[in-house]
Amino acid sequence: MDQYHKFKEGEKGAWLSIFTYIFLATVKLIIATIGNSSALRADGLNNATDVIASIAVLIGLKISRKPPDEDHHYGHFRAEMIASLIAAFIMMTIGIQVLIDTVKSIIVGEFSQPDMLTAWTALAAAIIMFIVYVYNLRLGKKVNSAALQAAAQDNKSDALVSIGAFIGIVGAQFNLYWLDPLAGAIVGLIICKTAWDIFSNATHTLTDGFHPKELEGIKESIDTHPDVLDIKDVKGRLHGNQSLIEATIYVDPLLTVEESHEITDNIEEKLKEDHDVPHAHIHIEPYDNET
């Protein structure tokens, strides 16, 4: 499966998130109104805003599938990282809003006893979102999509929000009203932490960051080729979720151009098989004992 087909496959996860969020947001807002639950109402509004994040991921995946053109010679793969950033910003906004709302409820002392129907609704929603999270996480890893994996983390955060709402509603039945804002505050912090992790990963990729351990493994693979006498330099960067590698190697200066070209082909094929590197540029230089 090439990268373009992987992105098409990844769109299934984005569509699943969109339809699930629309369904859950509608059900939660209706049940929250009937059962008088501010926690479930906030959870429903949270899902409504998540629809926007899921649409951003879907658009990012669709743009990433566009082939190279006269303006984008390397394709549009970085659109996926931009989608991850948008998802992170939306998640952070939601997390901060949850924290603000819980602190306000503690200060003002706005406590009420909602109907247990709202608790079971929140629990059922948490189970559904956890299933969506597992599906999107597996699909994201399968197609190597950072945006879809970020969406999966958003799914997990939403499952935790629903669990927090469930705990708060159940606690209210036993007059433990402080459980509601406490659970909300913890969930808000979890959402903010998840958003920060997604933001850090996306910005690291967009600024041409590359993990040193991965680069060391690539260097070791190049060094195993029998005709590579030494390695001058190996650099890596990510274009979306694709690794782009540039390496300068030393070979026997008596080799012909054809023989040297065959070496580069062999190394590029090895990097593709062992490290899933679709694009590698190998530069040949003549080996000198004094080098």
Protein backbone atom coordinates (compact mmCIF):
# COMPACT_ATOMS: atom_id res chain seq x y z
CA MET A 1 0.00 0.00 0.00
CA ASP A 2 1.58 3.31 -1.10
CA GLN A 3 1.33 6.50 0.95
CA TYR A 4 -1.58 7.93 -1.03
CA HIS A 5 -3.68 4.80 -0.48
CA LYS A 6 -2.73 4.87 3.21
CA PHE A 7 -4.16 8.37 3.55
CA LYS A 8 -7.35 7.25 1.79
CA GLU A 9 -7.61 4.35 4.25
CA GLY A 10 -7.03 6.76 7.14
CA GLU A 11 -10.04 8.84 6.10
CA LYS A 12 -12.28 6.04 7.40
CA GLY A 13 -11.19 6.87 10.95
CA ALA A 14 -11.91 10.57 10.49
CA TRP A 15 -15.39 9.84 9.14
CA LEU A 16 -16.05 7.46 12.05
CA SER A 17 -15.11 10.20 14.54
CA ILE A 18 -17.33 12.78 12.81
CA PHE A 19 -20.46 10.58 12.77
CA THR A 20 -19.85 9.36 16.34
CA TYR A 21 -19.39 12.89 17.68
CA ILE A 22 -22.54 14.16 15.94
CA PHE A 23 -24.57 11.26 17.35
CA LEU A 24 -23.20 11.54 20.90
CA ALA A 25 -23.46 15.33 21.01
CA THR A 26 -27.14 15.16 19.99
CA VAL A 27 -28.00 12.41 22.50
CA LYS A 28 -26.08 14.02 25.39
CA LEU A 29 -27.60 17.47 24.93
CA ILE A 30 -31.14 16.04 24.78
CA ILE A 31 -30.63 13.75 27.84
CA ALA A 32 -28.83 16.55 29.75
CA THR A 33 -31.83 18.83 29.26
CA ILE A 34 -34.25 16.14 30.38
CA GLY A 35 -32.13 14.98 33.33
CA ASN A 36 -30.86 18.42 34.44
CA SER A 37 -27.14 17.62 34.24
CA SER A 38 -24.66 20.43 33.65
CA ALA A 39 -21.81 17.90 33.46
CA LEU A 40 -23.44 15.93 30.64
CA ARG A 41 -24.43 19.17 28.88
CA ALA A 42 -20.79 20.32 28.94
CA ASP A 43 -19.73 16.88 27.68
CA GLY A 44 -22.20 17.18 24.80
CA LEU A 45 -20.92 20.63 23.86
CA ASN A 46 -17.40 19.21 24.02
CA ASN A 47 -18.36 16.56 21.44
CA ALA A 48 -19.97 19.22 19.25
CA THR A 49 -16.68 21.14 19.07
CA ASP A 50 -14.80 17.87 18.42
CA VAL A 51 -16.67 17.59 15.14
CA ILE A 52 -14.62 20.58 13.97
CA ALA A 53 -11.35 18.90 14.96
CA SER A 54 -12.33 15.69 13.16
CA ILE A 55 -13.26 17.64 10.02
CA ALA A 56 -9.83 19.34 10.19
CA VAL A 57 -8.16 15.92 10.31
CA LEU A 58 -10.27 14.70 7.37
CA ILE A 59 -9.38 17.77 5.29
CA GLY A 60 -5.70 17.32 6.19
CA LEU A 61 -5.76 13.69 5.04
CA LYS A 62 -7.53 14.61 1.79
CA ILE A 63 -5.03 17.39 1.02
CA SER A 64 -2.12 15.06 1.82
CA ARG A 65 -3.37 12.70 -0.89
CA LYS A 66 -2.88 15.33 -3.59
CA PRO A 67 0.05 14.43 -5.85
CA PRO A 68 3.03 16.76 -6.41
CA ASP A 69 2.38 19.78 -8.60
CA GLU A 70 4.30 22.81 -9.88
CA ASP A 71 4.00 24.52 -6.48
CA HIS A 72 4.62 21.45 -4.27
CA HIS A 73 7.33 19.28 -5.78
CA TYR A 74 7.40 16.98 -2.75
CA GLY A 75 3.63 16.60 -2.49
CA HIS A 76 1.27 17.91 0.20
CA PHE A 77 2.06 15.53 3.06
CA ARG A 78 2.69 18.30 5.60
CA ALA A 79 -0.99 19.24 5.46
CA GLU A 80 -1.51 16.32 7.84
CA MET A 81 0.74 17.99 10.43
CA ILE A 82 -1.22 21.22 10.10
CA ALA A 83 -4.39 19.22 10.79
CA SER A 84 -2.72 17.83 13.92
CA LEU A 85 -1.95 21.39 15.07
CA ILE A 86 -5.56 22.46 14.55
CA ALA A 87 -6.77 19.45 16.53
CA ALA A 88 -4.30 20.30 19.32
CA PHE A 89 -5.48 23.93 19.50
CA ILE A 90 -9.12 22.86 19.68
CA MET A 91 -8.34 20.28 22.39
CA MET A 92 -6.36 22.82 24.42
CA THR A 93 -9.22 25.32 24.18
CA ILE A 94 -11.67 22.70 25.38
CA GLY A 95 -9.36 21.63 28.22
CA ILE A 96 -8.90 25.18 29.46
CA GLN A 97 -12.65 25.83 29.22
CA VAL A 98 -13.36 22.68 31.28
CA LEU A 99 -10.93 23.91 33.95
CA ILE A 100 -12.50 27.39 33.99
CA ASP A 101 -16.03 25.99 34.25
CA THR A 102 -15.15 23.63 37.13
CA VAL A 103 -13.40 26.39 39.08
CA LYS A 104 -16.40 28.69 38.57
CA SER A 105 -18.80 26.01 39.82
CA ILE A 106 -16.70 25.56 42.97
CA ILE A 107 -16.51 29.31 43.67
CA VAL A 108 -20.18 30.00 42.98
CA GLY A 109 -21.33 26.76 44.63
CA GLU A 110 -23.69 25.76 41.82
CA PHE A 111 -24.59 22.20 42.81
CA SER A 112 -27.59 20.11 41.79
CA GLN A 113 -28.71 16.49 41.75
CA PRO A 114 -29.19 15.30 38.15
CA ASP A 115 -31.18 12.24 37.11
CA MET A 116 -29.29 8.91 36.99
CA LEU A 117 -30.27 8.58 33.33
CA THR A 118 -27.60 11.20 32.59
CA ALA A 119 -24.98 9.08 34.38
CA TRP A 120 -25.73 5.96 32.33
CA THR A 121 -25.69 8.07 29.17
CA ALA A 122 -22.23 9.39 30.06
CA LEU A 123 -20.96 5.86 30.81
CA ALA A 124 -22.32 4.47 27.53
CA ALA A 125 -20.73 7.37 25.65
CA ALA A 126 -17.38 6.68 27.33
CA ILE A 127 -17.49 3.04 26.18
CA ILE A 128 -18.38 4.06 22.61
CA MET A 129 -15.59 6.64 22.47
CA PHE A 130 -13.05 4.17 23.85
CA ILE A 131 -13.95 1.73 21.05
CA VAL A 132 -13.51 4.54 18.49
CA TYR A 133 -10.18 5.44 20.14
CA VAL A 134 -8.85 1.88 19.81
CA TYR A 135 -9.97 1.65 16.17
CA ASN A 136 -8.44 5.00 15.17
CA LEU A 137 -5.21 4.35 17.07
CA ARG A 138 -4.70 1.00 15.32
CA LEU A 139 -5.64 2.46 11.93
CA GLY A 140 -3.38 5.48 12.51
CA LYS A 141 -0.41 3.22 13.25
CA LYS A 142 -1.25 0.97 10.30
CA VAL A 143 -1.25 3.83 7.78
CA ASN A 144 1.40 5.81 9.70
CA SER A 145 -0.84 8.86 10.06
CA ALA A 146 0.13 11.36 12.76
CA ALA A 147 -3.14 13.29 12.33
CA LEU A 148 -5.26 10.17 12.79
CA GLN A 149 -3.25 9.14 15.85
CA ALA A 150 -3.79 12.65 17.22
CA ALA A 151 -7.52 12.24 16.58
CA ALA A 152 -7.37 8.94 18.45
CA GLN A 153 -5.89 10.70 21.47
CA ASP A 154 -8.73 13.21 21.24
CA ASN A 155 -11.15 10.26 21.25
CA LYS A 156 -9.52 8.94 24.42
CA SER A 157 -9.74 12.36 26.06
CA ASP A 158 -13.45 12.48 25.25
CA ALA A 159 -13.94 9.04 26.80
CA LEU A 160 -12.25 10.34 29.96
CA VAL A 161 -14.46 13.44 29.95
CA SER A 162 -17.54 11.20 29.88
CA ILE A 163 -16.14 9.06 32.70
CA GLY A 164 -15.54 12.23 34.70
CA ALA A 165 -19.14 13.30 34.07
CA PHE A 166 -20.36 9.85 35.16
CA ILE A 167 -18.38 10.00 38.41
CA GLY A 168 -19.61 13.50 39.16
CA ILE A 169 -23.26 12.60 38.51
CA VAL A 170 -23.08 9.43 40.63
CA GLY A 171 -21.39 11.38 43.41
CA ALA A 172 -24.22 13.92 43.33
CA GLN A 173 -26.67 11.12 44.16
CA PHE A 174 -24.88 10.68 47.51
CA ASN A 175 -24.58 14.42 48.16
CA LEU A 176 -20.87 14.34 47.28
CA TYR A 177 -21.24 17.40 45.07
CA TRP A 178 -17.50 18.18 45.18
CA LEU A 179 -16.81 15.07 43.04
CA ASP A 180 -18.29 16.76 39.98
CA PRO A 181 -15.92 19.76 39.85
CA LEU A 182 -12.95 17.64 41.01
CA ALA A 183 -13.48 15.08 38.24
CA GLY A 184 -13.95 17.91 35.74
CA ALA A 185 -10.68 19.57 36.79
CA ILE A 186 -8.73 16.31 36.46
CA VAL A 187 -10.23 15.65 33.04
CA GLY A 188 -9.43 19.21 31.95
CA LEU A 189 -5.79 18.71 32.89
CA ILE A 190 -5.67 15.40 30.99
CA ILE A 191 -7.09 17.06 27.87
CA CYS A 192 -4.54 19.91 28.10
CA LYS A 193 -1.66 17.44 28.53
CA THR A 194 -2.80 15.40 25.51
CA ALA A 195 -3.14 18.56 23.41
CA TRP A 196 0.37 19.67 24.39
CA ASP A 197 1.84 16.27 23.39
CA ILE A 198 0.15 16.45 19.98
CA PHE A 199 1.29 20.07 19.51
CA SER A 200 4.90 19.21 20.45
CA ASN A 201 5.03 16.27 18.04
CA ALA A 202 3.54 18.26 15.15
CA THR A 203 5.83 21.28 15.63
CA HIS A 204 8.88 19.01 15.97
CA THR A 205 8.03 17.50 12.57
CA LEU A 206 7.23 20.83 10.89
CA THR A 207 10.57 22.28 12.07
CA ASP A 208 12.44 19.35 10.46
CA GLY A 209 13.08 17.56 13.74
CA PHE A 210 14.19 13.93 13.53
CA HIS A 211 14.63 11.45 16.38
CA PRO A 212 18.36 10.75 17.01
CA LYS A 213 17.78 7.03 17.70
CA GLU A 214 16.01 6.57 14.35
CA LEU A 215 18.84 8.36 12.57
CA GLU A 216 21.40 6.16 14.32
CA GLY A 217 19.55 3.03 13.17
CA ILE A 218 19.54 4.31 9.59
CA LYS A 219 23.25 5.06 9.81
CA GLU A 220 23.93 1.52 11.03
CA SER A 221 21.95 0.08 8.10
CA ILE A 222 23.99 2.11 5.62
CA ASP A 223 27.22 1.05 7.30
CA THR A 224 26.38 -2.65 6.81
CA HIS A 225 26.75 -2.35 3.04
CA PRO A 226 30.07 -4.03 2.11
CA ASP A 227 31.09 -1.31 -0.36
CA VAL A 228 30.59 1.56 2.10
CA LEU A 229 34.07 2.32 3.44
CA ASP A 230 32.99 5.18 5.67
CA ILE A 231 30.07 7.52 6.31
CA LYS A 232 30.64 11.24 6.16
CA ASP A 233 27.18 12.47 7.13
CA VAL A 234 23.57 11.33 7.54
CA LYS A 235 20.67 13.77 7.90
CA GLY A 236 16.95 13.17 8.24
CA ARG A 237 13.73 15.15 8.27
CA LEU A 238 10.05 14.36 8.08
CA HIS A 239 7.77 15.45 5.26
CA GLY A 240 4.41 14.85 6.88
CA ASN A 241 4.88 11.29 8.10
CA GLN A 242 7.47 10.34 5.50
CA SER A 243 11.17 10.18 6.32
CA LEU A 244 13.50 11.98 3.93
CA ILE A 245 17.14 10.92 4.31
CA GLU A 246 20.30 12.49 2.90
CA ALA A 247 23.59 10.63 3.33
CA THR A 248 27.13 11.13 2.11
CA ILE A 249 29.25 7.98 1.95
CA TYR A 250 32.82 7.12 0.96
CA VAL A 251 33.49 4.32 -1.54
CA ASP A 252 36.46 2.97 -3.44
CA PRO A 253 37.56 5.75 -5.86
CA LEU A 254 38.33 3.14 -8.53
CA LEU A 255 34.68 2.10 -8.85
CA THR A 256 32.91 3.00 -12.07
CA VAL A 257 29.95 5.37 -12.17
CA GLU A 258 27.66 2.41 -12.84
CA GLU A 259 29.03 0.47 -9.85
CA SER A 260 28.67 3.50 -7.58
CA HIS A 261 25.11 4.03 -8.80
CA GLU A 262 24.29 0.41 -7.99
CA ILE A 263 25.54 0.95 -4.43
CA THR A 264 23.20 3.91 -3.93
CA ASP A 265 20.28 1.92 -5.34
CA ASN A 266 20.99 -0.95 -2.95
CA ILE A 267 21.18 1.38 0.06
CA GLU A 268 17.98 3.21 -0.89
CA GLU A 269 16.14 -0.11 -1.24
CA LYS A 270 17.47 -1.31 2.11
CA LEU A 271 16.32 1.87 3.86
CA LYS A 272 12.90 1.50 2.30
CA GLU A 273 12.55 -2.11 3.47
CA ASP A 274 14.13 -1.79 6.94
CA HIS A 275 13.06 1.72 7.98
CA ASP A 276 10.11 2.59 5.69
CA VAL A 277 12.08 5.46 4.11
CA PRO A 278 10.40 6.25 0.76
CA HIS A 279 12.91 8.93 -0.27
CA ALA A 280 16.67 8.77 0.28
CA HIS A 281 19.39 10.75 -1.46
CA ILE A 282 22.79 9.03 -1.26
CA HIS A 283 25.82 11.09 -2.30
CA ILE A 284 29.01 9.24 -3.27
CA GLU A 285 32.52 10.55 -2.53
CA PRO A 286 35.87 8.84 -3.20
CA TYR A 287 37.50 7.34 -0.13
CA ASP A 288 40.87 8.70 0.91
CA ASN A 289 42.85 7.20 3.79
CA GLU A 290 43.66 10.73 4.87
CA THR A 291 39.96 11.73 4.92
